[in-house]
Amino acid sequence: MNNNKVQNPKTEVPATIEMNDENYLNDMLETEKNMSVNMTIALNEASNEVLFGKIYEMFLEIKKSQRNLFELAFKNGWYCLEKAEQNKISEEYNKLSTSLNQLQQ
């Protein structure tokens, strides 16, 4: 296993033309991500405070659901992360700090 990968042992699923648990989970995760993007647009466009509040409540539920689906996919080994090298983290941090400082001036 690559030392830069962070992944749980993969839960095996049948490799057939039929959708399996991994396919269904990935489809639901993608749907939740798309709904989150669309809800963000709706929040930006809401002209009424009550409407904004209702949409915001739905947005929070969608984000919770999306996170739960991600955690389930990661637990089953169907989602793999890469460890970032410390120098890349520092480099990105420095770039963002510079940008923030420029914005504050």
PDB file of N, CA and C in Angstrom:
ATOM      1  N   MET A   1       0.849  -1.194   0.000  1.00  0.00           N
ATOM      2  CA  MET A   1       0.000   0.000   0.000  1.00  0.00           C
ATOM      3  C   MET A   1       0.883   1.242   0.000  1.00  0.00           C
ATOM      4  N   ASN A   2       0.513   2.215  -0.765  1.00  0.00           N
ATOM      5  CA  ASN A   2       1.238   3.476  -0.856  1.00  0.00           C
ATOM      6  C   ASN A   2       1.158   4.200   0.488  1.00  0.00           C
ATOM      7  N   ASN A   3       2.306   4.653   1.017  1.00  0.00           N
ATOM      8  CA  ASN A   3       2.344   5.323   2.312  1.00  0.00           C
ATOM      9  C   ASN A   3       1.679   6.688   2.298  1.00  0.00           C
ATOM     10  N   ASN A   4       1.424   7.240   1.127  1.00  0.00           N
ATOM     11  CA  ASN A   4       0.764   8.536   1.035  1.00  0.00           C
ATOM     12  C   ASN A   4      -0.756   8.408   1.010  1.00  0.00           C
ATOM     13  N   LYS A   5      -1.248   7.189   1.036  1.00  0.00           N
ATOM     14  CA  LYS A   5      -2.692   6.960   0.970  1.00  0.00           C
ATOM     15  C   LYS A   5      -3.256   6.726   2.365  1.00  0.00           C
ATOM     16  N   VAL A   6      -4.426   7.274   2.596  1.00  0.00           N
ATOM     17  CA  VAL A   6      -5.171   7.024   3.827  1.00  0.00           C
ATOM     18  C   VAL A   6      -6.463   6.370   3.389  1.00  0.00           C
ATOM     19  N   GLN A   7      -6.618   5.096   3.760  1.00  0.00           N
ATOM     20  CA  GLN A   7      -7.777   4.346   3.288  1.00  0.00           C
ATOM     21  C   GLN A   7      -8.032   3.180   4.227  1.00  0.00           C
ATOM     22  N   ASN A   8      -9.289   2.883   4.453  1.00  0.00           N
ATOM     23  CA  ASN A   8      -9.675   1.701   5.219  1.00  0.00           C
ATOM     24  C   ASN A   8      -9.661   0.497   4.300  1.00  0.00           C
ATOM     25  N   PRO A   9      -9.634  -0.700   4.876  1.00  0.00           N
ATOM     26  CA  PRO A   9      -9.728  -1.901   4.028  1.00  0.00           C
ATOM     27  C   PRO A   9     -11.009  -1.851   3.201  1.00  0.00           C
ATOM     28  N   LYS A  10     -10.879  -2.207   1.944  1.00  0.00           N
ATOM     29  CA  LYS A  10     -12.004  -2.086   1.011  1.00  0.00           C
ATOM     30  C   LYS A  10     -13.000  -3.220   1.219  1.00  0.00           C
ATOM     31  N   THR A  11     -14.259  -2.844   1.364  1.00  0.00           N
ATOM     32  CA  THR A  11     -15.345  -3.814   1.402  1.00  0.00           C
ATOM     33  C   THR A  11     -15.612  -4.240  -0.032  1.00  0.00           C
ATOM     34  N   GLU A  12     -15.461  -5.521  -0.287  1.00  0.00           N
ATOM     35  CA  GLU A  12     -15.634  -6.011  -1.648  1.00  0.00           C
ATOM     36  C   GLU A  12     -17.115  -6.068  -2.023  1.00  0.00           C
ATOM     37  N   VAL A  13     -17.380  -5.684  -3.244  1.00  0.00           N
ATOM     38  CA  VAL A  13     -18.734  -5.731  -3.799  1.00  0.00           C
ATOM     39  C   VAL A  13     -18.657  -6.426  -5.151  1.00  0.00           C
ATOM     40  N   PRO A  14     -19.758  -7.025  -5.591  1.00  0.00           N
ATOM     41  CA  PRO A  14     -19.737  -7.713  -6.887  1.00  0.00           C
ATOM     42  C   PRO A  14     -19.418  -6.755  -8.033  1.00  0.00           C
ATOM     43  N   ALA A  15     -18.562  -7.187  -8.918  1.00  0.00           N
ATOM     44  CA  ALA A  15     -18.218  -6.393 -10.103  1.00  0.00           C
ATOM     45  C   ALA A  15     -19.036  -6.909 -11.278  1.00  0.00           C
ATOM     46  N   THR A  16     -20.261  -6.412 -11.358  1.00  0.00           N
ATOM     47  CA  THR A  16     -21.158  -6.812 -12.442  1.00  0.00           C
ATOM     48  C   THR A  16     -21.711  -5.566 -13.107  1.00  0.00           C
ATOM     49  N   ILE A  17     -22.516  -5.775 -14.120  1.00  0.00           N
ATOM     50  CA  ILE A  17     -23.146  -4.646 -14.799  1.00  0.00           C
ATOM     51  C   ILE A  17     -24.215  -4.015 -13.915  1.00  0.00           C
ATOM     52  N   GLU A  18     -24.723  -4.775 -12.935  1.00  0.00           N
ATOM     53  CA  GLU A  18     -25.718  -4.262 -11.995  1.00  0.00           C
ATOM     54  C   GLU A  18     -25.046  -3.337 -10.984  1.00  0.00           C
ATOM     55  N   MET A  19     -25.789  -2.334 -10.528  1.00  0.00           N
ATOM     56  CA  MET A  19     -25.240  -1.447  -9.504  1.00  0.00           C
ATOM     57  C   MET A  19     -25.075  -2.214  -8.199  1.00  0.00           C
ATOM     58  N   ASN A  20     -23.983  -1.918  -7.511  1.00  0.00           N
ATOM     59  CA  ASN A  20     -23.732  -2.539  -6.218  1.00  0.00           C
ATOM     60  C   ASN A  20     -23.784  -1.470  -5.123  1.00  0.00           C
ATOM     61  N   ASP A  21     -23.529  -1.863  -3.886  1.00  0.00           N
ATOM     62  CA  ASP A  21     -23.607  -0.917  -2.773  1.00  0.00           C
ATOM     63  C   ASP A  21     -22.668   0.270  -2.954  1.00  0.00           C
ATOM     64  N   GLU A  22     -21.481   0.026  -3.453  1.00  0.00           N
ATOM     65  CA  GLU A  22     -20.526   1.122  -3.685  1.00  0.00           C
ATOM     66  C   GLU A  22     -21.061   2.103  -4.726  1.00  0.00           C
ATOM     67  N   ASN A  23     -21.631   1.585  -5.805  1.00  0.00           N
ATOM     68  CA  ASN A  23     -22.207   2.442  -6.844  1.00  0.00           C
ATOM     69  C   ASN A  23     -23.358   3.282  -6.306  1.00  0.00           C
ATOM     70  N   TYR A  24     -24.248   2.643  -5.544  1.00  0.00           N
ATOM     71  CA  TYR A  24     -25.381   3.376  -4.967  1.00  0.00           C
ATOM     72  C   TYR A  24     -24.899   4.465  -4.016  1.00  0.00           C
ATOM     73  N   LEU A  25     -23.919   4.129  -3.175  1.00  0.00           N
ATOM     74  CA  LEU A  25     -23.414   5.111  -2.226  1.00  0.00           C
ATOM     75  C   LEU A  25     -22.758   6.283  -2.944  1.00  0.00           C
ATOM     76  N   ASN A  26     -21.948   5.990  -3.951  1.00  0.00           N
ATOM     77  CA  ASN A  26     -21.309   7.067  -4.716  1.00  0.00           C
ATOM     78  C   ASN A  26     -22.338   7.934  -5.431  1.00  0.00           C
ATOM     79  N   ASP A  27     -23.391   7.322  -5.932  1.00  0.00           N
ATOM     80  CA  ASP A  27     -24.450   8.081  -6.596  1.00  0.00           C
ATOM     81  C   ASP A  27     -25.165   8.992  -5.600  1.00  0.00           C
ATOM     82  N   MET A  28     -25.464   8.469  -4.416  1.00  0.00           N
ATOM     83  CA  MET A  28     -26.132   9.288  -3.399  1.00  0.00           C
ATOM     84  C   MET A  28     -25.213  10.417  -2.926  1.00  0.00           C
ATOM     85  N   LEU A  29     -23.926  10.132  -2.774  1.00  0.00           N
ATOM     86  CA  LEU A  29     -22.972  11.159  -2.347  1.00  0.00           C
ATOM     87  C   LEU A  29     -22.884  12.276  -3.384  1.00  0.00           C
ATOM     88  N   GLU A  30     -22.818  11.916  -4.642  1.00  0.00           N
ATOM     89  CA  GLU A  30     -22.770  12.913  -5.718  1.00  0.00           C
ATOM     90  C   GLU A  30     -24.052  13.745  -5.754  1.00  0.00           C
ATOM     91  N   THR A  31     -25.188  13.098  -5.545  1.00  0.00           N
ATOM     92  CA  THR A  31     -26.465  13.811  -5.513  1.00  0.00           C
ATOM     93  C   THR A  31     -26.493  14.817  -4.371  1.00  0.00           C
ATOM     94  N   GLU A  32     -26.051  14.411  -3.195  1.00  0.00           N
ATOM     95  CA  GLU A  32     -26.023  15.320  -2.044  1.00  0.00           C
ATOM     96  C   GLU A  32     -25.087  16.499  -2.293  1.00  0.00           C
ATOM     97  N   LYS A  33     -23.950  16.249  -2.919  1.00  0.00           N
ATOM     98  CA  LYS A  33     -23.021  17.339  -3.244  1.00  0.00           C
ATOM     99  C   LYS A  33     -23.666  18.332  -4.208  1.00  0.00           C
ATOM    100  N   ASN A  34     -24.348  17.821  -5.220  1.00  0.00           N
ATOM    101  CA  ASN A  34     -25.021  18.699  -6.186  1.00  0.00           C
ATOM    102  C   ASN A  34     -26.161  19.477  -5.528  1.00  0.00           C
ATOM    103  N   MET A  35     -26.903  18.825  -4.649  1.00  0.00           N
ATOM    104  CA  MET A  35     -27.982  19.522  -3.942  1.00  0.00           C
ATOM    105  C   MET A  35     -27.398  20.636  -3.071  1.00  0.00           C
ATOM    106  N   SER A  36     -26.255  20.395  -2.468  1.00  0.00           N
ATOM    107  CA  SER A  36     -25.605  21.404  -1.630  1.00  0.00           C
ATOM    108  C   SER A  36     -25.238  22.637  -2.446  1.00  0.00           C
ATOM    109  N   VAL A  37     -24.691  22.415  -3.622  1.00  0.00           N
ATOM    110  CA  VAL A  37     -24.342  23.531  -4.506  1.00  0.00           C
ATOM    111  C   VAL A  37     -25.592  24.317  -4.880  1.00  0.00           C
ATOM    112  N   ASN A  38     -26.641  23.607  -5.251  1.00  0.00           N
ATOM    113  CA  ASN A  38     -27.884  24.281  -5.644  1.00  0.00           C
ATOM    114  C   ASN A  38     -28.527  25.020  -4.474  1.00  0.00           C
ATOM    115  N   MET A  39     -28.456  24.446  -3.278  1.00  0.00           N
ATOM    116  CA  MET A  39     -29.006  25.126  -2.107  1.00  0.00           C
ATOM    117  C   MET A  39     -28.207  26.383  -1.782  1.00  0.00           C
ATOM    118  N   THR A  40     -26.913  26.371  -2.018  1.00  0.00           N
ATOM    119  CA  THR A  40     -26.091  27.565  -1.803  1.00  0.00           C
ATOM    120  C   THR A  40     -26.552  28.688  -2.729  1.00  0.00           C
ATOM    121  N   ILE A  41     -26.840  28.345  -3.969  1.00  0.00           N
ATOM    122  CA  ILE A  41     -27.354  29.344  -4.917  1.00  0.00           C
ATOM    123  C   ILE A  41     -28.702  29.869  -4.429  1.00  0.00           C
ATOM    124  N   ALA A  42     -29.554  28.964  -3.973  1.00  0.00           N
ATOM    125  CA  ALA A  42     -30.871  29.390  -3.476  1.00  0.00           C
ATOM    126  C   ALA A  42     -30.717  30.310  -2.272  1.00  0.00           C
ATOM    127  N   LEU A  43     -29.774  30.017  -1.382  1.00  0.00           N
ATOM    128  CA  LEU A  43     -29.528  30.887  -0.226  1.00  0.00           C
ATOM    129  C   LEU A  43     -29.077  32.270  -0.668  1.00  0.00           C
ATOM    130  N   ASN A  44     -28.210  32.308  -1.658  1.00  0.00           N
ATOM    131  CA  ASN A  44     -27.727  33.597  -2.162  1.00  0.00           C
ATOM    132  C   ASN A  44     -28.841  34.424  -2.790  1.00  0.00           C
ATOM    133  N   GLU A  45     -29.837  33.758  -3.351  1.00  0.00           N
ATOM    134  CA  GLU A  45     -30.899  34.449  -4.071  1.00  0.00           C
ATOM    135  C   GLU A  45     -32.154  34.698  -3.242  1.00  0.00           C
ATOM    136  N   ALA A  46     -32.225  34.115  -2.038  1.00  0.00           N
ATOM    137  CA  ALA A  46     -33.431  34.252  -1.214  1.00  0.00           C
ATOM    138  C   ALA A  46     -33.645  35.717  -0.833  1.00  0.00           C
ATOM    139  N   SER A  47     -34.807  36.242  -1.158  1.00  0.00           N
ATOM    140  CA  SER A  47     -35.088  37.655  -0.893  1.00  0.00           C
ATOM    141  C   SER A  47     -35.917  37.850   0.367  1.00  0.00           C
ATOM    142  N   ASN A  48     -36.345  36.772   0.961  1.00  0.00           N
ATOM    143  CA  ASN A  48     -37.218  36.836   2.122  1.00  0.00           C
ATOM    144  C   ASN A  48     -36.532  36.113   3.284  1.00  0.00           C
ATOM    145  N   GLU A  49     -36.534  36.709   4.452  1.00  0.00           N
ATOM    146  CA  GLU A  49     -35.836  36.147   5.612  1.00  0.00           C
ATOM    147  C   GLU A  49     -36.390  34.786   6.030  1.00  0.00           C
ATOM    148  N   VAL A  50     -37.716  34.639   6.005  1.00  0.00           N
ATOM    149  CA  VAL A  50     -38.333  33.359   6.370  1.00  0.00           C
ATOM    150  C   VAL A  50     -37.932  32.281   5.369  1.00  0.00           C
ATOM    151  N   LEU A  51     -37.994  32.614   4.093  1.00  0.00           N
ATOM    152  CA  LEU A  51     -37.585  31.683   3.047  1.00  0.00           C
ATOM    153  C   LEU A  51     -36.121  31.303   3.219  1.00  0.00           C
ATOM    154  N   PHE A  52     -35.270  32.295   3.479  1.00  0.00           N
ATOM    155  CA  PHE A  52     -33.855  32.030   3.705  1.00  0.00           C
ATOM    156  C   PHE A  52     -33.669  31.036   4.854  1.00  0.00           C
ATOM    157  N   GLY A  53     -34.391  31.247   5.943  1.00  0.00           N
ATOM    158  CA  GLY A  53     -34.279  30.363   7.103  1.00  0.00           C
ATOM    159  C   GLY A  53     -34.657  28.930   6.775  1.00  0.00           C
ATOM    160  N   LYS A  54     -35.736  28.757   6.027  1.00  0.00           N
ATOM    161  CA  LYS A  54     -36.185  27.408   5.652  1.00  0.00           C
ATOM    162  C   LYS A  54     -35.161  26.722   4.741  1.00  0.00           C
ATOM    163  N   ILE A  55     -34.674  27.472   3.763  1.00  0.00           N
ATOM    164  CA  ILE A  55     -33.670  26.906   2.855  1.00  0.00           C
ATOM    165  C   ILE A  55     -32.399  26.569   3.628  1.00  0.00           C
ATOM    166  N   TYR A  56     -32.019  27.433   4.563  1.00  0.00           N
ATOM    167  CA  TYR A  56     -30.812  27.200   5.360  1.00  0.00           C
ATOM    168  C   TYR A  56     -30.942  25.929   6.197  1.00  0.00           C
ATOM    169  N   GLU A  57     -32.115  25.693   6.777  1.00  0.00           N
ATOM    170  CA  GLU A  57     -32.354  24.459   7.536  1.00  0.00           C
ATOM    171  C   GLU A  57     -32.171  23.234   6.634  1.00  0.00           C
ATOM    172  N   MET A  58     -32.726  23.300   5.425  1.00  0.00           N
ATOM    173  CA  MET A  58     -32.574  22.192   4.476  1.00  0.00           C
ATOM    174  C   MET A  58     -31.114  22.018   4.083  1.00  0.00           C
ATOM    175  N   PHE A  59     -30.426  23.142   3.872  1.00  0.00           N
ATOM    176  CA  PHE A  59     -29.002  23.098   3.507  1.00  0.00           C
ATOM    177  C   PHE A  59     -28.191  22.370   4.576  1.00  0.00           C
ATOM    178  N   LEU A  60     -28.439  22.688   5.849  1.00  0.00           N
ATOM    179  CA  LEU A  60     -27.703  22.039   6.937  1.00  0.00           C
ATOM    180  C   LEU A  60     -27.965  20.535   6.971  1.00  0.00           C
ATOM    181  N   GLU A  61     -29.209  20.142   6.726  1.00  0.00           N
ATOM    182  CA  GLU A  61     -29.540  18.711   6.684  1.00  0.00           C
ATOM    183  C   GLU A  61     -28.838  18.013   5.524  1.00  0.00           C
ATOM    184  N   ILE A  62     -28.805  18.676   4.389  1.00  0.00           N
ATOM    185  CA  ILE A  62     -28.120  18.113   3.220  1.00  0.00           C
ATOM    186  C   ILE A  62     -26.635  17.944   3.512  1.00  0.00           C
ATOM    187  N   LYS A  63     -26.019  18.946   4.146  1.00  0.00           N
ATOM    188  CA  LYS A  63     -24.588  18.855   4.469  1.00  0.00           C
ATOM    189  C   LYS A  63     -24.315  17.725   5.457  1.00  0.00           C
ATOM    190  N   LYS A  64     -25.213  17.543   6.443  1.00  0.00           N
ATOM    191  CA  LYS A  64     -25.050  16.430   7.396  1.00  0.00           C
ATOM    192  C   LYS A  64     -25.148  15.094   6.671  1.00  0.00           C
ATOM    193  N   SER A  65     -26.128  15.005   5.795  1.00  0.00           N
ATOM    194  CA  SER A  65     -26.318  13.772   5.039  1.00  0.00           C
ATOM    195  C   SER A  65     -25.112  13.482   4.148  1.00  0.00           C
ATOM    196  N   GLN A  66     -24.622  14.512   3.482  1.00  0.00           N
ATOM    197  CA  GLN A  66     -23.443  14.349   2.619  1.00  0.00           C
ATOM    198  C   GLN A  66     -22.250  13.882   3.428  1.00  0.00           C
ATOM    199  N   ARG A  67     -22.057  14.446   4.597  1.00  0.00           N
ATOM    200  CA  ARG A  67     -20.921  14.064   5.442  1.00  0.00           C
ATOM    201  C   ARG A  67     -21.063  12.626   5.918  1.00  0.00           C
ATOM    202  N   ASN A  68     -22.277  12.227   6.309  1.00  0.00           N
ATOM    203  CA  ASN A  68     -22.504  10.851   6.744  1.00  0.00           C
ATOM    204  C   ASN A  68     -22.226   9.859   5.613  1.00  0.00           C
ATOM    205  N   LEU A  69     -22.645  10.205   4.408  1.00  0.00           N
ATOM    206  CA  LEU A  69     -22.384   9.331   3.260  1.00  0.00           C
ATOM    207  C   LEU A  69     -20.887   9.232   2.983  1.00  0.00           C
ATOM    208  N   PHE A  70     -20.172  10.362   3.072  1.00  0.00           N
ATOM    209  CA  PHE A  70     -18.723  10.332   2.883  1.00  0.00           C
ATOM    210  C   PHE A  70     -18.069   9.430   3.918  1.00  0.00           C
ATOM    211  N   GLU A  71     -18.464   9.587   5.182  1.00  0.00           N
ATOM    212  CA  GLU A  71     -17.864   8.775   6.248  1.00  0.00           C
ATOM    213  C   GLU A  71     -18.139   7.292   6.030  1.00  0.00           C
ATOM    214  N   LEU A  72     -19.332   6.950   5.547  1.00  0.00           N
ATOM    215  CA  LEU A  72     -19.659   5.559   5.255  1.00  0.00           C
ATOM    216  C   LEU A  72     -18.794   5.026   4.105  1.00  0.00           C
ATOM    217  N   ALA A  73     -18.628   5.829   3.064  1.00  0.00           N
ATOM    218  CA  ALA A  73     -17.783   5.417   1.936  1.00  0.00           C
ATOM    219  C   ALA A  73     -16.342   5.236   2.395  1.00  0.00           C
ATOM    220  N   PHE A  74     -15.851   6.145   3.217  1.00  0.00           N
ATOM    221  CA  PHE A  74     -14.474   6.043   3.712  1.00  0.00           C
ATOM    222  C   PHE A  74     -14.316   4.812   4.603  1.00  0.00           C
ATOM    223  N   LYS A  75     -15.285   4.568   5.473  1.00  0.00           N
ATOM    224  CA  LYS A  75     -15.258   3.405   6.371  1.00  0.00           C
ATOM    225  C   LYS A  75     -15.180   2.102   5.569  1.00  0.00           C
ATOM    226  N   ASN A  76     -15.872   2.058   4.431  1.00  0.00           N
ATOM    227  CA  ASN A  76     -15.891   0.850   3.605  1.00  0.00           C
ATOM    228  C   ASN A  76     -14.712   0.762   2.639  1.00  0.00           C
ATOM    229  N   GLY A  77     -13.805   1.740   2.715  1.00  0.00           N
ATOM    230  CA  GLY A  77     -12.631   1.693   1.853  1.00  0.00           C
ATOM    231  C   GLY A  77     -12.908   2.106   0.418  1.00  0.00           C
ATOM    232  N   TRP A  78     -14.024   2.738   0.182  1.00  0.00           N
ATOM    233  CA  TRP A  78     -14.402   3.150  -1.171  1.00  0.00           C
ATOM    234  C   TRP A  78     -13.993   4.579  -1.462  1.00  0.00           C
ATOM    235  N   TYR A  79     -13.386   5.232  -0.497  1.00  0.00           N
ATOM    236  CA  TYR A  79     -12.915   6.602  -0.669  1.00  0.00           C
ATOM    237  C   TYR A  79     -11.513   6.665  -0.107  1.00  0.00           C
ATOM    238  N   CYS A  80     -10.588   7.123  -0.901  1.00  0.00           N
ATOM    239  CA  CYS A  80      -9.185   7.151  -0.523  1.00  0.00           C
ATOM    240  C   CYS A  80      -8.697   8.596  -0.464  1.00  0.00           C
ATOM    241  N   LEU A  81      -7.944   8.915   0.561  1.00  0.00           N
ATOM    242  CA  LEU A  81      -7.350  10.243   0.701  1.00  0.00           C
ATOM    243  C   LEU A  81      -5.840  10.138   0.542  1.00  0.00           C
ATOM    244  N   GLU A  82      -5.225  11.228   0.187  1.00  0.00           N
ATOM    245  CA  GLU A  82      -3.767  11.273   0.103  1.00  0.00           C
ATOM    246  C   GLU A  82      -3.226  12.181   1.186  1.00  0.00           C
ATOM    247  N   LYS A  83      -2.175  11.717   1.849  1.00  0.00           N
ATOM    248  CA  LYS A  83      -1.504  12.565   2.831  1.00  0.00           C
ATOM    249  C   LYS A  83      -0.755  13.657   2.083  1.00  0.00           C
ATOM    250  N   ALA A  84      -0.880  14.857   2.583  1.00  0.00           N
ATOM    251  CA  ALA A  84      -0.145  15.968   1.975  1.00  0.00           C
ATOM    252  C   ALA A  84       1.238  16.045   2.619  1.00  0.00           C
ATOM    253  N   GLU A  85       2.229  16.311   1.807  1.00  0.00           N
ATOM    254  CA  GLU A  85       3.584  16.490   2.325  1.00  0.00           C
ATOM    255  C   GLU A  85       3.645  17.808   3.082  1.00  0.00           C
ATOM    256  N   GLN A  86       4.416  17.832   4.165  1.00  0.00           N
ATOM    257  CA  GLN A  86       4.484  19.020   5.007  1.00  0.00           C
ATOM    258  C   GLN A  86       4.909  20.251   4.229  1.00  0.00           C
ATOM    259  N   ASN A  87       5.852  20.102   3.298  1.00  0.00           N
ATOM    260  CA  ASN A  87       6.291  21.270   2.532  1.00  0.00           C
ATOM    261  C   ASN A  87       5.169  21.816   1.644  1.00  0.00           C
ATOM    262  N   LYS A  88       4.298  20.949   1.143  1.00  0.00           N
ATOM    263  CA  LYS A  88       3.171  21.413   0.331  1.00  0.00           C
ATOM    264  C   LYS A  88       2.135  22.123   1.204  1.00  0.00           C
ATOM    265  N   ILE A  89       1.938  21.615   2.405  1.00  0.00           N
ATOM    266  CA  ILE A  89       1.016  22.275   3.335  1.00  0.00           C
ATOM    267  C   ILE A  89       1.539  23.664   3.666  1.00  0.00           C
ATOM    268  N   SER A  90       2.829  23.750   3.986  1.00  0.00           N
ATOM    269  CA  SER A  90       3.443  25.047   4.327  1.00  0.00           C
ATOM    270  C   SER A  90       3.387  26.009   3.151  1.00  0.00           C
ATOM    271  N   GLU A  91       3.652  25.496   1.967  1.00  0.00           N
ATOM    272  CA  GLU A  91       3.624  26.329   0.762  1.00  0.00           C
ATOM    273  C   GLU A  91       2.221  26.905   0.537  1.00  0.00           C
ATOM    274  N   GLU A  92       1.205  26.069   0.653  1.00  0.00           N
ATOM    275  CA  GLU A  92      -0.175  26.518   0.455  1.00  0.00           C
ATOM    276  C   GLU A  92      -0.580  27.502   1.551  1.00  0.00           C
ATOM    277  N   TYR A  93      -0.178  27.217   2.770  1.00  0.00           N
ATOM    278  CA  TYR A  93      -0.480  28.117   3.882  1.00  0.00           C
ATOM    279  C   TYR A  93       0.127  29.503   3.637  1.00  0.00           C
ATOM    280  N   ASN A  94       1.357  29.521   3.183  1.00  0.00           N
ATOM    281  CA  ASN A  94       2.037  30.793   2.905  1.00  0.00           C
ATOM    282  C   ASN A  94       1.337  31.570   1.787  1.00  0.00           C
ATOM    283  N   LYS A  95       0.913  30.871   0.739  1.00  0.00           N
ATOM    284  CA  LYS A  95       0.197  31.533  -0.356  1.00  0.00           C
ATOM    285  C   LYS A  95      -1.101  32.148   0.143  1.00  0.00           C
ATOM    286  N   LEU A  96      -1.858  31.382   0.928  1.00  0.00           N
ATOM    287  CA  LEU A  96      -3.134  31.878   1.431  1.00  0.00           C
ATOM    288  C   LEU A  96      -2.933  33.022   2.426  1.00  0.00           C
ATOM    289  N   SER A  97      -1.895  32.927   3.253  1.00  0.00           N
ATOM    290  CA  SER A  97      -1.602  34.009   4.198  1.00  0.00           C
ATOM    291  C   SER A  97      -1.243  35.292   3.464  1.00  0.00           C
ATOM    292  N   THR A  98      -0.461  35.174   2.402  1.00  0.00           N
ATOM    293  CA  THR A  98      -0.090  36.335   1.599  1.00  0.00           C
ATOM    294  C   THR A  98      -1.325  36.963   0.968  1.00  0.00           C
ATOM    295  N   SER A  99      -2.197  36.127   0.423  1.00  0.00           N
ATOM    296  CA  SER A  99      -3.435  36.642  -0.190  1.00  0.00           C
ATOM    297  C   SER A  99      -4.308  37.344   0.836  1.00  0.00           C
ATOM    298  N   LEU A 100      -4.425  36.747   2.012  1.00  0.00           N
ATOM    299  CA  LEU A 100      -5.231  37.355   3.067  1.00  0.00           C
ATOM    300  C   LEU A 100      -4.655  38.704   3.492  1.00  0.00           C
ATOM    301  N   ASN A 101      -3.353  38.769   3.651  1.00  0.00           N
ATOM    302  CA  ASN A 101      -2.705  40.027   4.032  1.00  0.00           C
ATOM    303  C   ASN A 101      -2.930  41.100   2.978  1.00  0.00           C
ATOM    304  N   GLN A 102      -2.888  40.728   1.705  1.00  0.00           N
ATOM    305  CA  GLN A 102      -3.116  41.684   0.632  1.00  0.00           C
ATOM    306  C   GLN A 102      -4.563  42.195   0.655  1.00  0.00           C
ATOM    307  N   LEU A 103      -5.498  41.315   0.973  1.00  0.00           N
ATOM    308  CA  LEU A 103      -6.898  41.711   1.035  1.00  0.00           C
ATOM    309  C   LEU A 103      -7.165  42.650   2.220  1.00  0.00           C
ATOM    310  N   GLN A 104      -6.431  42.479   3.287  1.00  0.00           N
ATOM    311  CA  GLN A 104      -6.643  43.290   4.477  1.00  0.00           C
ATOM    312  C   GLN A 104      -6.020  44.678   4.359  1.00  0.00           C
ATOM    313  N   GLN A 105      -5.169  44.885   3.376  1.00  0.00           N
ATOM    314  CA  GLN A 105      -4.505  46.183   3.215  1.00  0.00           C
ATOM    315  C   GLN A 105      -5.389  47.158   2.471  1.00  0.00           C
TER     316      GLN A 105
END
